[in-house]
Amino acid sequence: MNNSKIKLDLMPIEQGKLKIHKIKIGDILKYSVDELCILLNIPMIRAMEIHALVEFQSIPSIGIKFANDLISLGYYSLEELKDKDGAKLIEDLELLKGVWIDPCAEDQCRLVVHYANYRDDSKKWWDFTEERKKYRTKNGYPENRPKKSWFDPVKNKFSE
């Protein structure tokens, strides 16, 4: 695992507790969620988030933003993502966010599911672009897909 690429938004007290216990970011996965909860003196849900952020970013080409997206969908481990459908994951994320998302995010969903099932370090998200394109050409997008894109500026009464 490339520890230098893993990013965490930790509270200063969390950083301090990691330092006291001599736990490096890359070593977080050596601890169970229960252990992190106790060592860092944090609520279980926060320990789950920290553990998940490290685990998801251990996948080649997955960063903190997408790791947070997976958590927002209710996933806290790779085990939970086994046998999921990358196309369904992105559709759920788009509904949650209320916008359609850059297509490369679907490639990341496909990568995460692949990695959860096979632990294949050789794949990056862009290796799933052709698979996504073929799938979308054949199946399209659901009718309830948000109409607004992720890059549309937010309009308010002051921006007119």
N, C-alpha and C. Protein backbone atom coordinates (compact mmCIF):
# COMPACT_ATOMS: atom_id res chain seq x y z
N MET A 1 0.84 -1.17 0.00
CA MET A 1 0.00 0.00 0.00
C MET A 1 0.89 1.24 0.00
N ASN A 2 0.54 2.22 -0.82
CA ASN A 2 1.29 3.46 -0.86
C ASN A 2 0.70 4.42 0.16
N ASN A 3 1.31 4.48 1.34
CA ASN A 3 0.78 5.28 2.44
C ASN A 3 0.84 6.77 2.18
N SER A 4 1.74 7.23 1.32
CA SER A 4 1.88 8.66 1.08
C SER A 4 0.68 9.24 0.35
N LYS A 5 -0.10 8.41 -0.31
CA LYS A 5 -1.26 8.89 -1.05
C LYS A 5 -2.53 8.93 -0.20
N ILE A 6 -2.51 8.31 0.96
CA ILE A 6 -3.70 8.26 1.80
C ILE A 6 -3.86 9.58 2.54
N LYS A 7 -5.04 10.16 2.39
CA LYS A 7 -5.37 11.44 3.03
C LYS A 7 -6.49 11.19 4.03
N LEU A 8 -6.39 11.83 5.17
CA LEU A 8 -7.44 11.76 6.18
C LEU A 8 -7.69 13.16 6.73
N ASP A 9 -8.93 13.50 6.91
CA ASP A 9 -9.29 14.74 7.58
C ASP A 9 -9.52 14.40 9.05
N LEU A 10 -8.44 14.48 9.80
CA LEU A 10 -8.50 14.13 11.21
C LEU A 10 -8.55 15.37 12.08
N MET A 11 -9.27 15.25 13.18
CA MET A 11 -9.29 16.31 14.18
C MET A 11 -7.92 16.32 14.85
N PRO A 12 -7.48 17.47 15.35
CA PRO A 12 -6.18 17.51 16.04
C PRO A 12 -6.08 16.48 17.17
N ILE A 13 -7.16 16.27 17.89
CA ILE A 13 -7.13 15.29 18.99
C ILE A 13 -6.94 13.87 18.46
N GLU A 14 -7.54 13.58 17.30
CA GLU A 14 -7.35 12.26 16.68
C GLU A 14 -5.91 12.09 16.23
N GLN A 15 -5.35 13.14 15.63
CA GLN A 15 -3.95 13.10 15.22
C GLN A 15 -3.04 12.86 16.44
N GLY A 16 -3.34 13.55 17.52
CA GLY A 16 -2.57 13.41 18.75
C GLY A 16 -2.63 12.00 19.31
N LYS A 17 -3.81 11.41 19.30
CA LYS A 17 -3.97 10.05 19.82
C LYS A 17 -3.20 9.04 18.95
N LEU A 18 -3.24 9.23 17.63
CA LEU A 18 -2.46 8.35 16.75
C LEU A 18 -0.98 8.46 17.09
N LYS A 19 -0.54 9.68 17.31
CA LYS A 19 0.88 9.91 17.63
C LYS A 19 1.25 9.28 18.97
N ILE A 20 0.40 9.45 19.97
CA ILE A 20 0.65 8.88 21.30
C ILE A 20 0.80 7.36 21.20
N HIS A 21 -0.07 6.75 20.39
CA HIS A 21 -0.05 5.28 20.26
C HIS A 21 0.88 4.79 19.16
N LYS A 22 1.63 5.75 18.55
CA LYS A 22 2.60 5.44 17.50
C LYS A 22 1.96 4.66 16.34
N ILE A 23 0.78 5.12 15.93
CA ILE A 23 0.07 4.50 14.82
C ILE A 23 0.21 5.41 13.60
N LYS A 24 0.84 4.89 12.57
CA LYS A 24 0.96 5.63 11.31
C LYS A 24 -0.31 5.41 10.50
N ILE A 25 -0.61 6.37 9.63
CA ILE A 25 -1.82 6.27 8.80
C ILE A 25 -1.87 4.93 8.07
N GLY A 26 -0.77 4.51 7.51
CA GLY A 26 -0.73 3.25 6.77
C GLY A 26 -0.92 2.02 7.62
N ASP A 27 -0.80 2.19 8.94
CA ASP A 27 -0.97 1.05 9.85
C ASP A 27 -2.39 0.94 10.41
N ILE A 28 -3.24 1.88 10.09
CA ILE A 28 -4.60 1.88 10.64
C ILE A 28 -5.34 0.58 10.33
N LEU A 29 -5.12 0.01 9.16
CA LEU A 29 -5.83 -1.21 8.80
C LEU A 29 -5.39 -2.43 9.62
N LYS A 30 -4.30 -2.28 10.36
CA LYS A 30 -3.85 -3.37 11.24
C LYS A 30 -4.71 -3.45 12.51
N TYR A 31 -5.52 -2.42 12.72
CA TYR A 31 -6.37 -2.34 13.90
C TYR A 31 -7.83 -2.54 13.50
N SER A 32 -8.57 -3.20 14.35
CA SER A 32 -10.01 -3.35 14.10
C SER A 32 -10.69 -2.01 14.39
N VAL A 33 -11.89 -1.87 13.92
CA VAL A 33 -12.67 -0.67 14.20
C VAL A 33 -12.86 -0.52 15.71
N ASP A 34 -13.12 -1.61 16.39
CA ASP A 34 -13.30 -1.57 17.86
C ASP A 34 -12.03 -1.06 18.54
N GLU A 35 -10.87 -1.53 18.09
CA GLU A 35 -9.60 -1.07 18.68
C GLU A 35 -9.38 0.41 18.43
N LEU A 36 -9.68 0.87 17.20
CA LEU A 36 -9.53 2.30 16.90
C LEU A 36 -10.43 3.14 17.78
N CYS A 37 -11.63 2.66 17.98
CA CYS A 37 -12.60 3.35 18.82
C CYS A 37 -12.02 3.58 20.22
N ILE A 38 -11.42 2.56 20.77
CA ILE A 38 -10.86 2.63 22.12
C ILE A 38 -9.57 3.46 22.14
N LEU A 39 -8.65 3.16 21.22
CA LEU A 39 -7.36 3.86 21.20
C LEU A 39 -7.49 5.36 20.96
N LEU A 40 -8.41 5.73 20.07
CA LEU A 40 -8.58 7.15 19.74
C LEU A 40 -9.65 7.83 20.59
N ASN A 41 -10.36 7.02 21.38
CA ASN A 41 -11.45 7.53 22.21
C ASN A 41 -12.46 8.31 21.35
N ILE A 42 -12.94 7.62 20.32
CA ILE A 42 -13.89 8.22 19.39
C ILE A 42 -15.12 7.33 19.26
N PRO A 43 -16.24 7.90 18.81
CA PRO A 43 -17.44 7.09 18.60
C PRO A 43 -17.20 6.01 17.54
N MET A 44 -17.94 4.94 17.62
CA MET A 44 -17.81 3.81 16.69
C MET A 44 -17.94 4.27 15.24
N ILE A 45 -18.91 5.12 14.95
CA ILE A 45 -19.12 5.55 13.55
C ILE A 45 -17.89 6.29 13.02
N ARG A 46 -17.24 7.08 13.87
CA ARG A 46 -16.03 7.80 13.44
C ARG A 46 -14.89 6.81 13.19
N ALA A 47 -14.76 5.81 14.04
CA ALA A 47 -13.73 4.79 13.84
C ALA A 47 -13.99 4.04 12.53
N MET A 48 -15.26 3.76 12.26
CA MET A 48 -15.62 3.10 10.99
C MET A 48 -15.24 3.96 9.80
N GLU A 49 -15.49 5.27 9.89
CA GLU A 49 -15.15 6.19 8.80
C GLU A 49 -13.65 6.22 8.56
N ILE A 50 -12.89 6.38 9.61
CA ILE A 50 -11.43 6.45 9.47
C ILE A 50 -10.89 5.16 8.85
N HIS A 51 -11.35 4.03 9.36
CA HIS A 51 -10.92 2.73 8.84
C HIS A 51 -11.28 2.61 7.35
N ALA A 52 -12.51 2.99 7.02
CA ALA A 52 -12.97 2.89 5.63
C ALA A 52 -12.19 3.82 4.71
N LEU A 53 -11.92 5.03 5.15
CA LEU A 53 -11.16 5.97 4.32
C LEU A 53 -9.79 5.41 3.96
N VAL A 54 -9.14 4.78 4.93
CA VAL A 54 -7.83 4.18 4.66
C VAL A 54 -7.99 2.97 3.75
N GLU A 55 -8.95 2.11 4.05
CA GLU A 55 -9.14 0.91 3.24
C GLU A 55 -9.47 1.25 1.79
N PHE A 56 -10.40 2.18 1.58
CA PHE A 56 -10.78 2.52 0.21
C PHE A 56 -9.63 3.18 -0.55
N GLN A 57 -8.85 4.02 0.13
CA GLN A 57 -7.73 4.67 -0.54
C GLN A 57 -6.55 3.73 -0.76
N SER A 58 -6.61 2.53 -0.21
CA SER A 58 -5.56 1.55 -0.47
C SER A 58 -5.72 0.95 -1.87
N ILE A 59 -6.85 1.21 -2.50
CA ILE A 59 -7.09 0.73 -3.87
C ILE A 59 -6.37 1.69 -4.82
N PRO A 60 -5.59 1.16 -5.76
CA PRO A 60 -4.89 2.04 -6.70
C PRO A 60 -5.85 2.99 -7.42
N SER A 61 -5.52 4.25 -7.44
CA SER A 61 -6.21 5.35 -8.13
C SER A 61 -7.50 5.80 -7.47
N ILE A 62 -7.73 5.42 -6.21
CA ILE A 62 -8.89 5.90 -5.47
C ILE A 62 -8.41 6.90 -4.41
N GLY A 63 -9.02 8.08 -4.40
CA GLY A 63 -8.63 9.12 -3.46
C GLY A 63 -9.67 9.35 -2.39
N ILE A 64 -9.40 10.35 -1.57
CA ILE A 64 -10.26 10.62 -0.42
C ILE A 64 -11.67 11.06 -0.83
N LYS A 65 -11.79 11.81 -1.90
CA LYS A 65 -13.12 12.29 -2.30
C LYS A 65 -14.03 11.10 -2.64
N PHE A 66 -13.53 10.18 -3.43
CA PHE A 66 -14.35 9.04 -3.79
C PHE A 66 -14.56 8.11 -2.59
N ALA A 67 -13.54 7.99 -1.74
CA ALA A 67 -13.69 7.19 -0.52
C ALA A 67 -14.83 7.76 0.33
N ASN A 68 -14.90 9.08 0.44
CA ASN A 68 -16.00 9.72 1.17
C ASN A 68 -17.34 9.47 0.48
N ASP A 69 -17.35 9.44 -0.84
CA ASP A 69 -18.59 9.13 -1.57
C ASP A 69 -19.10 7.73 -1.21
N LEU A 70 -18.19 6.77 -1.12
CA LEU A 70 -18.59 5.41 -0.75
C LEU A 70 -19.19 5.37 0.65
N ILE A 71 -18.58 6.12 1.56
CA ILE A 71 -19.11 6.19 2.93
C ILE A 71 -20.48 6.85 2.92
N SER A 72 -20.66 7.89 2.10
CA SER A 72 -21.97 8.56 2.05
C SER A 72 -23.06 7.61 1.56
N LEU A 73 -22.66 6.58 0.80
CA LEU A 73 -23.62 5.57 0.34
C LEU A 73 -23.85 4.49 1.40
N GLY A 74 -23.11 4.56 2.52
CA GLY A 74 -23.31 3.61 3.60
C GLY A 74 -22.35 2.44 3.62
N TYR A 75 -21.27 2.53 2.83
CA TYR A 75 -20.28 1.44 2.80
C TYR A 75 -19.09 1.81 3.68
N TYR A 76 -18.67 0.86 4.51
CA TYR A 76 -17.56 1.10 5.42
C TYR A 76 -16.46 0.06 5.27
N SER A 77 -16.57 -0.84 4.30
CA SER A 77 -15.51 -1.82 4.08
C SER A 77 -15.60 -2.38 2.66
N LEU A 78 -14.48 -2.91 2.22
CA LEU A 78 -14.47 -3.57 0.91
C LEU A 78 -15.34 -4.81 0.92
N GLU A 79 -15.40 -5.46 2.06
CA GLU A 79 -16.23 -6.66 2.17
C GLU A 79 -17.69 -6.35 1.82
N GLU A 80 -18.16 -5.19 2.21
CA GLU A 80 -19.55 -4.78 1.91
C GLU A 80 -19.77 -4.50 0.43
N LEU A 81 -18.69 -4.28 -0.30
CA LEU A 81 -18.79 -3.94 -1.73
C LEU A 81 -18.64 -5.15 -2.64
N LYS A 82 -18.33 -6.30 -2.06
CA LYS A 82 -18.23 -7.52 -2.87
C LYS A 82 -19.57 -7.78 -3.54
N ASP A 83 -19.49 -8.21 -4.79
CA ASP A 83 -20.68 -8.60 -5.56
C ASP A 83 -21.67 -7.46 -5.80
N LYS A 84 -21.28 -6.22 -5.57
CA LYS A 84 -22.13 -5.08 -5.92
C LYS A 84 -21.99 -4.82 -7.41
N ASP A 85 -22.80 -3.93 -7.91
CA ASP A 85 -22.81 -3.55 -9.33
C ASP A 85 -22.33 -2.11 -9.44
N GLY A 86 -21.21 -1.91 -10.14
CA GLY A 86 -20.65 -0.56 -10.28
C GLY A 86 -21.62 0.42 -10.90
N ALA A 87 -22.41 -0.03 -11.87
CA ALA A 87 -23.40 0.86 -12.51
C ALA A 87 -24.46 1.28 -11.49
N LYS A 88 -24.89 0.37 -10.66
CA LYS A 88 -25.91 0.68 -9.64
C LYS A 88 -25.33 1.61 -8.58
N LEU A 89 -24.06 1.42 -8.22
CA LEU A 89 -23.43 2.30 -7.23
C LEU A 89 -23.43 3.74 -7.71
N ILE A 90 -23.07 3.97 -8.96
CA ILE A 90 -23.02 5.35 -9.45
C ILE A 90 -24.42 5.93 -9.55
N GLU A 91 -25.37 5.10 -9.94
CA GLU A 91 -26.76 5.58 -10.02
C GLU A 91 -27.25 5.99 -8.63
N ASP A 92 -26.92 5.21 -7.62
CA ASP A 92 -27.29 5.55 -6.24
C ASP A 92 -26.60 6.83 -5.79
N LEU A 93 -25.33 6.98 -6.13
CA LEU A 93 -24.57 8.18 -5.74
C LEU A 93 -25.15 9.42 -6.41
N GLU A 94 -25.52 9.30 -7.68
CA GLU A 94 -26.11 10.44 -8.38
C GLU A 94 -27.43 10.86 -7.75
N LEU A 95 -28.25 9.89 -7.39
CA LEU A 95 -29.51 10.21 -6.72
C LEU A 95 -29.26 10.87 -5.37
N LEU A 96 -28.28 10.36 -4.64
CA LEU A 96 -27.95 10.93 -3.34
C LEU A 96 -27.49 12.39 -3.47
N LYS A 97 -26.64 12.64 -4.46
CA LYS A 97 -26.09 13.99 -4.64
C LYS A 97 -27.03 14.92 -5.41
N GLY A 98 -27.98 14.34 -6.13
CA GLY A 98 -28.94 15.16 -6.87
C GLY A 98 -28.40 15.73 -8.17
N VAL A 99 -27.28 15.19 -8.64
CA VAL A 99 -26.68 15.62 -9.91
C VAL A 99 -26.12 14.39 -10.61
N TRP A 100 -26.01 14.46 -11.95
CA TRP A 100 -25.28 13.39 -12.61
C TRP A 100 -23.80 13.71 -12.50
N ILE A 101 -23.03 12.66 -12.36
CA ILE A 101 -21.62 12.78 -12.00
C ILE A 101 -20.74 12.43 -13.18
N ASP A 102 -19.54 12.98 -13.19
CA ASP A 102 -18.54 12.68 -14.21
C ASP A 102 -18.50 11.17 -14.44
N PRO A 103 -18.55 10.73 -15.70
CA PRO A 103 -18.55 9.29 -16.00
C PRO A 103 -17.36 8.52 -15.42
N CYS A 104 -16.24 9.18 -15.22
CA CYS A 104 -15.09 8.46 -14.66
C CYS A 104 -15.38 7.97 -13.24
N ALA A 105 -16.33 8.59 -12.56
CA ALA A 105 -16.71 8.10 -11.22
C ALA A 105 -17.35 6.71 -11.32
N GLU A 106 -18.07 6.45 -12.42
CA GLU A 106 -18.61 5.10 -12.61
C GLU A 106 -17.47 4.11 -12.81
N ASP A 107 -16.43 4.53 -13.50
CA ASP A 107 -15.26 3.66 -13.67
C ASP A 107 -14.65 3.34 -12.30
N GLN A 108 -14.62 4.33 -11.41
CA GLN A 108 -14.11 4.11 -10.06
C GLN A 108 -15.00 3.12 -9.31
N CYS A 109 -16.30 3.24 -9.48
CA CYS A 109 -17.23 2.28 -8.84
C CYS A 109 -16.93 0.87 -9.32
N ARG A 110 -16.73 0.74 -10.61
CA ARG A 110 -16.44 -0.58 -11.18
C ARG A 110 -15.12 -1.11 -10.65
N LEU A 111 -14.12 -0.25 -10.52
CA LEU A 111 -12.82 -0.64 -9.97
C LEU A 111 -12.97 -1.12 -8.53
N VAL A 112 -13.69 -0.38 -7.72
CA VAL A 112 -13.84 -0.73 -6.31
C VAL A 112 -14.50 -2.10 -6.16
N VAL A 113 -15.54 -2.36 -6.94
CA VAL A 113 -16.20 -3.67 -6.88
C VAL A 113 -15.24 -4.76 -7.33
N HIS A 114 -14.53 -4.50 -8.42
CA HIS A 114 -13.54 -5.48 -8.91
C HIS A 114 -12.49 -5.76 -7.83
N TYR A 115 -11.98 -4.70 -7.23
CA TYR A 115 -10.94 -4.86 -6.20
C TYR A 115 -11.48 -5.61 -4.98
N ALA A 116 -12.69 -5.29 -4.57
CA ALA A 116 -13.30 -5.96 -3.43
C ALA A 116 -13.40 -7.47 -3.66
N ASN A 117 -13.65 -7.85 -4.90
CA ASN A 117 -13.80 -9.27 -5.23
C ASN A 117 -12.48 -9.99 -5.50
N TYR A 118 -11.51 -9.29 -6.10
CA TYR A 118 -10.30 -9.97 -6.57
C TYR A 118 -8.99 -9.47 -5.97
N ARG A 119 -9.01 -8.33 -5.27
CA ARG A 119 -7.78 -7.72 -4.71
C ARG A 119 -6.69 -7.60 -5.77
N ASP A 120 -7.09 -7.15 -6.94
CA ASP A 120 -6.21 -7.01 -8.10
C ASP A 120 -5.60 -5.61 -8.12
N ASP A 121 -4.33 -5.50 -7.72
CA ASP A 121 -3.64 -4.21 -7.69
C ASP A 121 -3.24 -3.69 -9.07
N SER A 122 -3.39 -4.50 -10.09
CA SER A 122 -2.92 -4.10 -11.42
C SER A 122 -3.89 -3.16 -12.14
N LYS A 123 -5.12 -3.06 -11.65
CA LYS A 123 -6.14 -2.25 -12.33
C LYS A 123 -6.23 -0.86 -11.73
N LYS A 124 -6.49 0.12 -12.60
CA LYS A 124 -6.78 1.50 -12.21
C LYS A 124 -8.18 1.82 -12.72
N TRP A 125 -8.75 2.94 -12.29
CA TRP A 125 -10.14 3.23 -12.68
C TRP A 125 -10.30 3.32 -14.19
N TRP A 126 -9.31 3.84 -14.89
CA TRP A 126 -9.45 4.03 -16.35
C TRP A 126 -9.46 2.70 -17.11
N ASP A 127 -9.08 1.63 -16.43
CA ASP A 127 -9.16 0.31 -17.07
C ASP A 127 -10.61 -0.16 -17.23
N PHE A 128 -11.54 0.55 -16.64
CA PHE A 128 -12.96 0.17 -16.69
C PHE A 128 -13.78 1.10 -17.60
N THR A 129 -13.11 2.01 -18.28
CA THR A 129 -13.81 2.97 -19.15
C THR A 129 -14.54 2.27 -20.30
N GLU A 130 -13.87 1.37 -20.97
CA GLU A 130 -14.50 0.67 -22.09
C GLU A 130 -15.69 -0.17 -21.63
N GLU A 131 -15.54 -0.83 -20.50
CA GLU A 131 -16.63 -1.62 -19.94
C GLU A 131 -17.85 -0.73 -19.68
N ARG A 132 -17.62 0.45 -19.08
CA ARG A 132 -18.70 1.39 -18.81
C ARG A 132 -19.36 1.85 -20.10
N LYS A 133 -18.55 2.22 -21.07
CA LYS A 133 -19.10 2.72 -22.33
C LYS A 133 -19.97 1.67 -23.01
N LYS A 134 -19.50 0.44 -23.04
CA LYS A 134 -20.29 -0.64 -23.64
C LYS A 134 -21.60 -0.84 -22.89
N TYR A 135 -21.52 -0.83 -21.57
CA TYR A 135 -22.71 -1.02 -20.74
C TYR A 135 -23.72 0.10 -20.98
N ARG A 136 -23.25 1.35 -20.97
CA ARG A 136 -24.16 2.49 -21.13
C ARG A 136 -24.72 2.56 -22.54
N THR A 137 -23.95 2.16 -23.54
CA THR A 137 -24.47 2.12 -24.91
C THR A 137 -25.62 1.13 -25.00
N LYS A 138 -25.45 0.00 -24.35
CA LYS A 138 -26.47 -1.04 -24.38
C LYS A 138 -27.67 -0.72 -23.47
N ASN A 139 -27.39 -0.20 -22.26
CA ASN A 139 -28.44 -0.05 -21.24
C ASN A 139 -28.89 1.38 -20.97
N GLY A 140 -28.09 2.35 -21.39
CA GLY A 140 -28.44 3.74 -21.10
C GLY A 140 -28.40 4.03 -19.61
N TYR A 141 -29.11 5.10 -19.22
CA TYR A 141 -29.19 5.51 -17.82
C TYR A 141 -30.64 5.41 -17.36
N PRO A 142 -30.85 5.29 -16.06
CA PRO A 142 -32.23 5.20 -15.57
C PRO A 142 -33.00 6.50 -15.80
N GLU A 143 -34.30 6.39 -15.91
CA GLU A 143 -35.14 7.57 -16.15
C GLU A 143 -35.09 8.57 -15.01
N ASN A 144 -34.82 8.09 -13.80
CA ASN A 144 -34.79 9.00 -12.64
C ASN A 144 -33.42 9.63 -12.42
N ARG A 145 -32.54 9.50 -13.40
CA ARG A 145 -31.21 10.12 -13.27
C ARG A 145 -31.37 11.63 -13.19
N PRO A 146 -30.67 12.27 -12.26
CA PRO A 146 -30.76 13.73 -12.17
C PRO A 146 -30.42 14.40 -13.49
N LYS A 147 -31.08 15.51 -13.78
CA LYS A 147 -30.86 16.23 -15.04
C LYS A 147 -29.70 17.21 -14.94
N LYS A 148 -29.45 17.71 -13.74
CA LYS A 148 -28.39 18.68 -13.54
C LYS A 148 -27.05 17.96 -13.41
N SER A 149 -26.01 18.53 -14.04
CA SER A 149 -24.68 17.91 -13.96
C SER A 149 -23.91 18.44 -12.76
N TRP A 150 -22.89 17.70 -12.38
CA TRP A 150 -22.06 18.07 -11.24
C TRP A 150 -21.34 19.39 -11.46
N PHE A 151 -21.13 19.80 -12.71
CA PHE A 151 -20.36 21.01 -12.96
C PHE A 151 -21.23 22.24 -13.20
N ASP A 152 -22.56 22.08 -13.20
CA ASP A 152 -23.43 23.25 -13.36
C ASP A 152 -23.26 24.17 -12.17
N PRO A 153 -23.09 25.46 -12.46
CA PRO A 153 -22.95 26.39 -11.32
C PRO A 153 -24.26 26.48 -10.54
N VAL A 154 -24.12 26.71 -9.26
CA VAL A 154 -25.30 26.89 -8.42
C VAL A 154 -25.85 28.28 -8.67
N LYS A 155 -27.11 28.36 -9.01
CA LYS A 155 -27.72 29.65 -9.28
C LYS A 155 -28.54 30.07 -8.07
N ASN A 156 -28.40 31.30 -7.70
CA ASN A 156 -29.22 31.85 -6.64
C ASN A 156 -29.65 33.26 -7.03
N LYS A 157 -30.43 33.90 -6.20
CA LYS A 157 -30.97 35.20 -6.57
C LYS A 157 -29.88 36.25 -6.71
N PHE A 158 -28.69 36.02 -6.17
CA PHE A 158 -27.60 36.99 -6.24
C PHE A 158 -26.71 36.81 -7.48
N SER A 159 -26.86 35.67 -8.19
CA SER A 159 -25.96 35.40 -9.31
C SER A 159 -26.55 35.84 -10.64
N GLU A 160 -27.72 36.40 -10.64
CA GLU A 160 -28.36 36.78 -11.92
C GLU A 160 -28.03 38.20 -12.33
